[in-house]
Protein backbone atom coordinates (compact mmCIF):
# COMPACT_ATOMS: atom_id res chain seq x y z
CA MET A 1 -59.67 -30.08 100.36
CA PRO A 2 -57.92 -26.90 101.34
CA ASN A 3 -58.45 -23.75 99.32
CA ILE A 4 -55.13 -22.26 97.95
CA GLU A 5 -54.94 -18.98 96.70
CA PHE A 6 -52.29 -17.37 94.61
CA VAL A 7 -51.40 -13.69 95.16
CA SER A 8 -49.10 -11.93 92.48
CA GLY A 9 -47.44 -8.62 92.92
CA LYS A 10 -44.49 -6.55 92.26
CA PRO A 11 -41.20 -8.39 93.06
CA GLN A 12 -39.40 -6.72 96.17
CA TYR A 13 -36.18 -6.40 94.07
CA ASP A 14 -35.90 -5.81 90.37
CA PHE A 15 -32.02 -6.15 89.53
CA GLN A 16 -30.78 -4.90 86.34
CA GLY A 17 -27.73 -3.66 84.60
CA CYS A 18 -26.98 0.13 84.11
CA VAL A 19 -24.28 1.93 81.92
CA THR A 20 -23.66 5.53 82.85
CA VAL A 21 -21.85 7.54 79.89
CA ASP A 22 -20.21 10.91 80.57
CA CYS A 23 -20.61 12.47 77.12
CA ASP A 24 -19.24 15.41 75.24
CA VAL A 25 -21.35 18.42 74.69
CA LEU A 26 -21.10 18.22 71.06
CA ALA A 27 -21.90 14.75 70.70
CA GLU A 28 -25.69 14.07 69.68
CA ARG A 29 -26.23 10.39 69.97
CA CYS A 30 -25.00 7.32 72.03
CA VAL A 31 -25.32 3.70 71.05
CA VAL A 32 -24.36 0.51 73.25
CA PHE A 33 -23.42 -2.46 71.28
CA ASN A 34 -22.80 -6.04 72.19
CA HIS A 35 -18.96 -6.19 71.39
CA LYS A 36 -19.23 -10.01 70.35
CA THR A 37 -22.08 -9.85 67.91
CA MET A 38 -21.84 -6.07 67.12
CA THR A 39 -25.59 -5.89 67.86
CA PRO A 40 -26.97 -2.73 68.91
CA ILE A 41 -28.66 -2.92 72.47
CA ARG A 42 -29.79 0.57 73.15
CA SER A 43 -29.46 4.01 71.57
CA LYS A 44 -30.24 7.41 72.70
CA ALA A 45 -30.32 11.16 71.66
CA ILE A 46 -27.68 12.97 73.98
CA ASN A 47 -29.70 15.99 75.70
CA GLY A 48 -27.12 16.79 78.37
CA THR A 49 -23.54 15.60 79.60
CA VAL A 50 -24.58 12.28 81.51
CA ILE A 51 -27.02 9.50 80.17
CA ARG A 52 -27.82 6.21 81.43
CA PHE A 53 -28.87 3.21 79.87
CA ARG A 54 -30.96 0.37 81.51
CA LEU A 55 -29.72 -3.22 80.17
CA PRO A 56 -30.20 -6.74 80.94
CA LEU A 57 -28.76 -8.46 84.01
CA LYS A 58 -26.43 -10.67 82.00
CA TYR A 59 -24.19 -7.66 81.26
CA THR A 60 -23.16 -7.01 84.92
CA THR A 61 -21.06 -10.19 84.74
CA ARG A 62 -19.19 -9.82 81.67
CA PHE A 63 -17.18 -7.17 79.55
CA ASP A 64 -19.23 -7.38 76.66
CA LEU A 65 -20.52 -3.86 75.68
CA CYS A 66 -18.97 -1.50 73.47
CA VAL A 67 -20.16 2.24 73.96
CA ILE A 68 -19.91 4.75 70.85
CA ILE A 69 -20.85 8.49 70.92
CA VAL A 70 -21.35 10.40 67.67
CA ASP A 71 -22.80 13.54 66.21
CA ALA A 72 -24.92 14.15 63.24
CA ASN A 73 -23.14 16.91 61.60
CA THR A 74 -19.55 16.00 61.62
CA GLU A 75 -18.71 18.63 64.32
CA TYR A 76 -17.67 15.97 66.78
CA ASN A 77 -15.31 12.95 66.14
CA ALA A 78 -16.80 9.67 67.34
CA ALA A 79 -15.62 8.24 70.73
CA ILE A 80 -15.45 4.54 71.39
CA LEU A 81 -14.96 2.68 74.58
CA ASP A 82 -14.73 -1.04 74.59
CA GLY A 83 -14.94 -3.84 77.15
CA VAL A 84 -17.58 -2.13 79.26
CA GLN A 85 -19.27 -3.84 82.19
CA ALA A 86 -22.64 -2.83 83.52
CA GLU A 87 -23.17 -1.87 87.00
CA ILE A 88 -26.05 -3.78 88.88
CA ILE A 89 -28.86 -1.72 89.96
CA ASP A 90 -32.25 -2.31 91.78
CA ALA A 91 -34.56 -0.76 89.17
CA ASN A 92 -37.10 -0.17 91.82
CA LEU A 93 -34.96 2.50 93.55
CA VAL A 94 -33.03 3.84 90.40
CA LYS A 95 -34.77 6.40 88.02
CA ILE A 96 -33.42 6.21 84.51
């Protein structure tokens, strides 16, 4: 009987979704929601003008995301973008 050996390793490609948000300097938090269920998917404090979110691959084929930027002390009014689709990335190559 032949000896079969299984070798596991990191896959060559790791496709995921990515949403890049250009934020206002007065905004302090960015939240990505599922538009249909209004469930928060990711949330980050804003420490610059551009932030990125890594998301599941399923959000690259539909426009199901809603992105909201807000602040904590009412200096900045909230901004909402609806109907967002994530771009497809190879997570092995993109640093987020």
